[in-house]
Amino acid sequence: MKEYILETLESGGDLTAQVIILRELAASIIACFIFLSYRLSHDGSIYSKKFNVTLAALTIVTTTVMIVIGNNIALSLGMVGALSIVRFRTAIKDSRDTVYIFWAIVVGICCGAGDYLVAGIGSAFAFALMLVFGRIKNDSRVLIIIRAARVNEEKIEAIIFDRYMRKAKLKVKNTTKDNIELIYETTRKVLNKADSRGSLVSDDIYAIGGVEYFNIVMQNDDISS
């Protein structure tokens, strides 16, 4: 019984060079589609060439690990123990990057196990989904910061209320004896529409008098590296 358990734990699949090459080749082909999908769904400063290459390499590495593990239970348990001490602390710039990381790992697992059909069909659906919805972006939030004389508070609020069509929400109001600071939150779409209605909103605010500054701060959900 003891010998049987040891043989079961140490047994591995009989893999030929042709099988290994076939699995690595399948993973490489799908990795190219992952690379292309990431490139199409990201643009501007958020696109990272290094991260895109890393996704393709991750697919191949995961496939190799799965080929090594094979049906060897002892080796698979040891591999799980070794990987459990690894801590990945790379900041994710975009929530979509998490999808691509899992996509690369899943493809590597499927190709390493020889399930090419699952890897191919799953990747085809993921590619189509990211192609259609991958370029959707959040409407960037905008903070409008105004510091002026306190006596002009009502006039400023009236202009903001009218020009931004009630879509600028007051988030912060800081006051002193003589001055007031107002912070409004709106969207870039509302901001652009307000400025297209004749004069600029900033010009109307400065025309009141006693305004120290009128600042616009853009915000988004991306995590900077």
Protein backbone atom coordinates (compact mmCIF):
# COMPACT_ATOMS: atom_id res chain seq x y z
CA MET A 1 0.00 0.00 0.00
CA LYS A 2 2.80 2.37 0.87
CA GLU A 3 4.59 1.67 -2.41
CA TYR A 4 1.35 2.24 -4.35
CA ILE A 5 0.80 5.66 -2.75
CA LEU A 6 4.38 6.70 -3.51
CA GLU A 7 4.06 5.58 -7.12
CA THR A 8 0.80 7.52 -7.47
CA LEU A 9 2.32 10.70 -6.07
CA GLU A 10 5.45 10.48 -8.21
CA SER A 11 3.79 9.35 -11.44
CA GLY A 12 3.77 11.81 -14.33
CA GLY A 13 2.39 11.85 -17.82
CA ASP A 14 4.48 10.55 -20.68
CA LEU A 15 5.00 13.65 -22.81
CA THR A 16 6.88 13.60 -26.07
CA ALA A 17 8.68 16.54 -27.61
CA GLN A 18 5.93 16.82 -30.22
CA VAL A 19 3.21 17.13 -27.57
CA ILE A 20 5.18 19.78 -25.68
CA ILE A 21 5.83 21.79 -28.83
CA LEU A 22 2.18 21.51 -29.86
CA ARG A 23 0.97 22.85 -26.51
CA GLU A 24 3.48 25.69 -26.48
CA LEU A 25 2.59 26.55 -30.08
CA ALA A 26 -1.13 26.66 -29.29
CA ALA A 27 -0.43 28.91 -26.29
CA SER A 28 1.73 31.19 -28.44
CA ILE A 29 -0.99 31.60 -31.06
CA ILE A 30 -3.62 32.50 -28.49
CA ALA A 31 -1.11 34.77 -26.73
CA CYS A 32 -0.88 36.77 -29.98
CA PHE A 33 -4.65 37.29 -29.89
CA ILE A 34 -4.42 38.41 -26.26
CA PHE A 35 -1.67 40.85 -27.28
CA LEU A 36 -3.81 42.19 -30.13
CA SER A 37 -6.92 42.46 -27.98
CA TYR A 38 -5.08 44.44 -25.30
CA ARG A 39 -3.67 46.79 -27.92
CA LEU A 40 -7.10 47.42 -29.46
CA SER A 41 -8.87 48.02 -26.15
CA HIS A 42 -6.27 50.42 -24.72
CA ASP A 43 -5.10 53.69 -26.14
CA GLY A 44 -3.29 56.83 -25.11
CA SER A 45 -1.12 56.99 -22.03
CA ILE A 46 -2.90 54.07 -20.39
CA TYR A 47 -1.46 51.59 -22.93
CA SER A 48 1.69 49.84 -21.70
CA LYS A 49 3.82 47.95 -24.22
CA LYS A 50 5.74 46.20 -21.45
CA PHE A 51 2.56 44.98 -19.78
CA ASN A 52 1.22 43.73 -23.10
CA VAL A 53 4.39 41.74 -23.72
CA THR A 54 4.18 40.44 -20.15
CA LEU A 55 0.69 39.08 -20.84
CA ALA A 56 1.94 37.09 -23.81
CA ALA A 57 4.91 35.80 -21.82
CA LEU A 58 2.65 34.91 -18.89
CA THR A 59 0.60 32.67 -21.17
CA ILE A 60 3.69 30.75 -22.26
CA VAL A 61 5.10 30.50 -18.74
CA THR A 62 1.80 29.20 -17.33
CA THR A 63 1.62 26.63 -20.11
CA THR A 64 5.15 25.47 -19.30
CA VAL A 65 4.34 25.14 -15.61
CA MET A 66 1.25 23.06 -16.41
CA ILE A 67 3.28 20.81 -18.69
CA VAL A 68 5.86 20.27 -15.95
CA ILE A 69 3.23 19.48 -13.34
CA GLY A 70 1.26 17.15 -15.61
CA ASN A 71 -0.25 14.33 -13.57
CA ASN A 72 2.46 14.41 -10.91
CA ILE A 73 0.56 15.05 -7.69
CA ALA A 74 3.66 15.48 -5.56
CA LEU A 75 5.13 18.03 -7.94
CA SER A 76 1.85 19.94 -8.18
CA LEU A 77 1.61 20.20 -4.38
CA GLY A 78 5.19 21.42 -4.22
CA MET A 79 4.53 23.96 -6.94
CA VAL A 80 1.49 25.30 -5.07
CA GLY A 81 3.58 25.66 -1.93
CA ALA A 82 6.35 27.47 -3.79
CA LEU A 83 3.98 29.88 -5.53
CA SER A 84 2.11 30.64 -2.30
CA ILE A 85 5.08 32.63 -0.99
CA VAL A 86 5.16 34.91 -4.03
CA ARG A 87 3.64 38.35 -3.54
CA PHE A 88 2.76 40.44 -6.60
CA ARG A 89 2.70 44.15 -5.80
CA THR A 90 2.54 45.63 -9.31
CA ALA A 91 -0.09 48.39 -9.42
CA ILE A 92 -2.93 47.76 -11.86
CA LYS A 93 -3.51 50.92 -13.92
CA ASP A 94 -6.85 49.83 -15.29
CA SER A 95 -9.47 47.38 -14.00
CA ARG A 96 -9.50 45.74 -17.44
CA ASP A 97 -5.90 44.63 -16.87
CA THR A 98 -7.15 42.13 -14.28
CA VAL A 99 -9.29 40.47 -16.95
CA TYR A 100 -6.28 40.11 -19.25
CA ILE A 101 -4.12 38.63 -16.48
CA PHE A 102 -6.72 35.96 -15.72
CA TRP A 103 -7.25 35.39 -19.45
CA ALA A 104 -3.54 34.71 -19.95
CA ILE A 105 -3.39 32.36 -16.95
CA VAL A 106 -6.50 30.42 -17.98
CA VAL A 107 -5.20 29.98 -21.53
CA GLY A 108 -1.89 28.75 -20.13
CA ILE A 109 -3.65 26.23 -17.92
CA CYS A 110 -5.87 24.96 -20.75
CA CYS A 111 -3.04 24.66 -23.27
CA GLY A 112 -0.73 23.07 -20.70
CA ALA A 113 -3.39 20.46 -19.99
CA GLY A 114 -4.06 19.89 -23.70
CA ASP A 115 -7.58 21.38 -23.70
CA TYR A 116 -7.11 23.38 -26.89
CA LEU A 117 -10.81 23.52 -27.69
CA VAL A 118 -11.67 25.14 -24.35
CA ALA A 119 -8.79 27.61 -24.70
CA GLY A 120 -9.74 28.50 -28.26
CA ILE A 121 -13.50 28.92 -27.76
CA GLY A 122 -13.05 30.78 -24.47
CA SER A 123 -10.49 33.13 -26.00
CA ALA A 124 -12.73 33.77 -29.01
CA PHE A 125 -15.57 34.89 -26.76
CA ALA A 126 -13.22 36.98 -24.59
CA PHE A 127 -11.68 38.60 -27.67
CA ALA A 128 -15.10 39.50 -29.09
CA LEU A 129 -16.32 40.83 -25.75
CA MET A 130 -13.27 43.05 -25.20
CA LEU A 131 -13.39 44.21 -28.83
CA VAL A 132 -16.96 45.45 -28.37
CA PHE A 133 -16.86 46.73 -24.79
CA GLY A 134 -13.15 47.13 -24.11
CA ARG A 135 -12.96 50.77 -25.25
CA ILE A 136 -15.77 51.96 -23.01
CA LYS A 137 -14.51 54.66 -20.66
CA ASN A 138 -15.92 56.34 -17.61
CA ASP A 139 -16.95 59.96 -17.97
CA SER A 140 -14.11 61.64 -16.09
CA ARG A 141 -15.12 63.52 -12.97
CA VAL A 142 -14.30 67.20 -12.73
CA LEU A 143 -13.76 69.25 -9.60
CA ILE A 144 -14.45 72.99 -9.80
CA ILE A 145 -12.67 74.88 -7.01
CA ILE A 146 -13.53 78.52 -6.40
CA ARG A 147 -12.10 80.81 -3.74
CA ALA A 148 -13.65 84.26 -3.42
CA ALA A 149 -14.90 86.90 -1.02
CA ARG A 150 -17.59 85.55 1.26
CA VAL A 151 -20.03 88.34 0.37
CA ASN A 152 -20.23 86.95 -3.19
CA GLU A 153 -21.24 83.44 -2.11
CA GLU A 154 -24.84 83.65 -3.30
CA LYS A 155 -23.88 85.17 -6.66
CA ILE A 156 -21.31 82.42 -7.33
CA GLU A 157 -23.75 79.65 -6.38
CA ALA A 158 -26.40 81.17 -8.66
CA ILE A 159 -24.02 81.22 -11.65
CA ILE A 160 -22.86 77.65 -11.04
CA PHE A 161 -26.45 76.50 -10.63
CA ASP A 162 -27.54 78.13 -13.87
CA ARG A 163 -24.53 77.50 -16.15
CA TYR A 164 -24.05 73.84 -15.18
CA MET A 165 -27.77 73.11 -15.45
CA ARG A 166 -28.11 71.85 -11.85
CA LYS A 167 -25.60 69.06 -12.56
CA ALA A 168 -22.75 70.45 -10.47
CA LYS A 169 -22.93 69.05 -6.94
CA LEU A 170 -21.49 71.01 -4.05
CA LYS A 171 -19.04 68.72 -2.23
CA VAL A 172 -17.08 71.04 0.06
CA LYS A 173 -17.64 74.52 1.46
CA ASN A 174 -14.80 76.06 3.46
CA THR A 175 -15.38 79.46 5.02
CA THR A 176 -13.41 82.04 6.94
CA LYS A 177 -14.50 85.43 8.21
CA ASP A 178 -13.80 87.10 4.86
CA ASN A 179 -13.36 84.31 2.28
CA ILE A 180 -15.12 81.18 1.07
CA GLU A 181 -13.93 78.16 -0.91
CA LEU A 182 -16.45 76.09 -2.86
CA ILE A 183 -15.72 72.70 -4.43
CA TYR A 184 -18.21 71.33 -6.96
CA GLU A 185 -18.20 67.95 -8.70
CA THR A 186 -19.49 67.46 -12.23
CA THR A 187 -18.51 65.63 -15.44
CA ARG A 188 -16.42 66.67 -18.42
CA LYS A 189 -19.48 66.47 -20.66
CA VAL A 190 -21.40 68.94 -18.51
CA LEU A 191 -18.31 71.17 -18.27
CA ASN A 192 -17.88 71.36 -22.04
CA LYS A 193 -21.58 71.97 -22.62
CA ALA A 194 -21.62 74.83 -20.10
CA ASP A 195 -18.64 76.57 -21.75
CA SER A 196 -20.23 76.23 -25.17
CA ARG A 197 -23.22 78.34 -24.11
CA GLY A 198 -21.82 81.77 -24.89
CA SER A 199 -19.13 83.07 -22.52
CA LEU A 200 -16.93 80.87 -20.39
CA VAL A 201 -18.14 80.08 -16.88
CA SER A 202 -14.81 81.27 -15.47
CA ASP A 203 -15.33 84.67 -17.12
CA ASP A 204 -18.75 85.00 -15.50
CA ILE A 205 -17.32 84.10 -12.10
CA TYR A 206 -14.41 86.56 -12.35
CA ALA A 207 -16.82 89.27 -13.49
CA ILE A 208 -18.43 89.20 -10.04
CA GLY A 209 -15.25 90.57 -8.49
CA GLY A 210 -13.37 89.51 -5.40
CA VAL A 211 -12.56 86.06 -6.86
CA GLU A 212 -9.10 84.79 -5.94
CA TYR A 213 -9.04 81.74 -8.22
CA PHE A 214 -11.22 79.45 -10.34
CA ASN A 215 -9.59 76.00 -10.73
CA ILE A 216 -10.71 72.93 -12.67
CA VAL A 217 -9.27 69.55 -11.67
CA MET A 218 -9.80 66.43 -13.79
CA GLN A 219 -10.18 63.06 -12.05
CA ASN A 220 -10.38 59.52 -13.38
CA ASP A 221 -10.38 55.93 -12.09
CA ASP A 222 -6.92 55.03 -13.38
CA ILE A 223 -4.24 54.15 -10.86
CA SER A 224 -1.00 55.88 -11.68
CA SER A 225 2.19 53.88 -11.56
